[in-house]
Amino acid sequence: MFYICCGFLTNPGFIWSLIMARTCDICAKGPTTGHNVSHANNKTNRRWYPNLQTVRTLVDGQPRRIRACTQCIRSGRVTKAPRGPTLA
C-alpha cells in the first residue's frame, strides 16, 4: 500500500526509513536479530541486514533516489528512472 505525502512515494515503513537506517523504502524490510553460535555453544548477539541498494526511481514523474532491497528490485516493485535527460 503506497501513499503520496509531501510529494514523496511513501508507505507505512517510509517514515521509519527516514528515522531508522537500513530499511527498505518499498517494503520496510529491516534488520533481524539472532545469535552467533560457537562450537562451544556460546551465543553472542548479532544482526542480519537486508541487501539495500540505492536506486533512481520515478516518484511523481521526478527521478529520486531511494533505498530498496534487492527482492523489491528483482520482483519489479521498483521501476527505475531512465538514464539521461528526461523529456517532460
Protein backbone atom coordinates (compact mmCIF):
# COMPACT_ATOMS: atom_id res chain seq x y z
CA MET A 1 0.00 0.00 0.00
CA PHE A 2 1.52 3.32 -1.10
CA TYR A 3 0.62 6.87 -0.16
CA ILE A 4 1.57 10.22 -1.63
CA CYS A 5 2.74 12.53 1.12
CA CYS A 6 4.63 15.80 0.56
CA GLY A 7 5.49 14.70 -2.97
CA PHE A 8 7.26 11.51 -1.89
CA LEU A 9 6.29 7.95 -2.65
CA THR A 10 5.61 6.58 0.79
CA ASN A 11 4.36 3.51 2.51
CA PRO A 12 3.89 2.83 6.22
CA GLY A 13 7.58 2.00 6.56
CA PHE A 14 8.85 5.08 4.74
CA ILE A 15 8.59 7.34 7.77
CA TRP A 16 10.64 4.79 9.71
CA SER A 17 13.23 4.70 6.96
CA LEU A 18 13.79 8.42 7.45
CA ILE A 19 14.41 7.75 11.14
CA MET A 20 15.82 4.23 11.08
CA ALA A 21 18.76 3.35 8.90
CA ARG A 22 18.98 0.15 6.88
CA THR A 23 15.32 -0.21 5.96
CA CYS A 24 13.80 -0.67 2.53
CA ASP A 25 11.66 2.27 1.37
CA ILE A 26 9.29 -0.05 -0.51
CA CYS A 27 8.59 -3.00 1.79
CA ALA A 28 10.02 -1.60 5.07
CA LYS A 29 12.24 -4.66 5.49
CA GLY A 30 14.78 -4.01 8.24
CA PRO A 31 17.44 -5.79 10.25
CA THR A 32 16.66 -9.03 12.05
CA THR A 33 18.40 -10.21 15.19
CA GLY A 34 19.68 -13.53 16.37
CA HIS A 35 22.77 -15.20 17.78
CA ASN A 36 26.17 -16.28 16.59
CA VAL A 37 26.61 -19.77 17.98
CA SER A 38 30.15 -21.02 18.52
CA HIS A 39 31.28 -24.62 18.54
CA ALA A 40 31.24 -24.42 22.35
CA ASN A 41 27.58 -23.28 22.09
CA ASN A 42 28.41 -19.74 23.27
CA LYS A 43 25.81 -17.32 22.00
CA THR A 44 26.56 -13.70 21.14
CA ASN A 45 24.10 -11.23 19.69
CA ARG A 46 24.23 -10.33 16.01
CA ARG A 47 22.14 -8.65 13.33
CA TRP A 48 21.37 -9.59 9.73
CA TYR A 49 20.92 -6.60 7.45
CA PRO A 50 18.83 -6.54 4.26
CA ASN A 51 20.69 -6.13 0.98
CA LEU A 52 19.80 -2.49 0.27
CA GLN A 53 20.75 -0.73 -2.93
CA THR A 54 20.36 2.94 -3.83
CA VAL A 55 18.14 3.13 -6.92
CA ARG A 56 16.99 6.04 -9.08
CA THR A 57 13.23 5.74 -9.47
CA LEU A 58 10.47 7.95 -10.81
CA VAL A 59 8.42 9.45 -7.98
CA ASP A 60 5.62 11.76 -9.15
CA GLY A 61 7.37 11.99 -12.53
CA GLN A 62 10.66 13.15 -10.98
CA PRO A 63 13.74 10.93 -10.58
CA ARG A 64 14.54 10.32 -6.90
CA ARG A 65 16.99 8.10 -5.09
CA ILE A 66 15.52 5.55 -2.71
CA ARG A 67 16.96 2.64 -0.78
CA ALA A 68 15.33 -0.59 -1.94
CA CYS A 69 16.11 -4.19 -1.07
CA THR A 70 17.17 -6.48 -3.88
CA GLN A 71 13.97 -8.54 -3.61
CA CYS A 72 11.89 -5.44 -4.41
CA ILE A 73 14.16 -4.58 -7.33
CA ARG A 74 14.09 -8.12 -8.76
CA SER A 75 10.34 -8.59 -8.29
CA GLY A 76 9.53 -5.42 -10.25
CA ARG A 77 8.14 -3.38 -7.35
CA VAL A 78 10.68 -0.68 -8.27
CA THR A 79 10.59 0.99 -11.69
CA LYS A 80 13.95 2.52 -12.47
CA ALA A 81 14.19 6.01 -13.90
CA PRO A 82 15.52 6.31 -17.46
CA ARG A 83 19.11 7.36 -17.84
CA GLY A 84 19.98 10.74 -19.26
CA PRO A 85 17.75 13.79 -19.52
CA THR A 86 14.07 13.06 -19.31
CA LEU A 87 11.72 14.64 -21.81
CA ALA A 88 8.84 16.14 -19.87
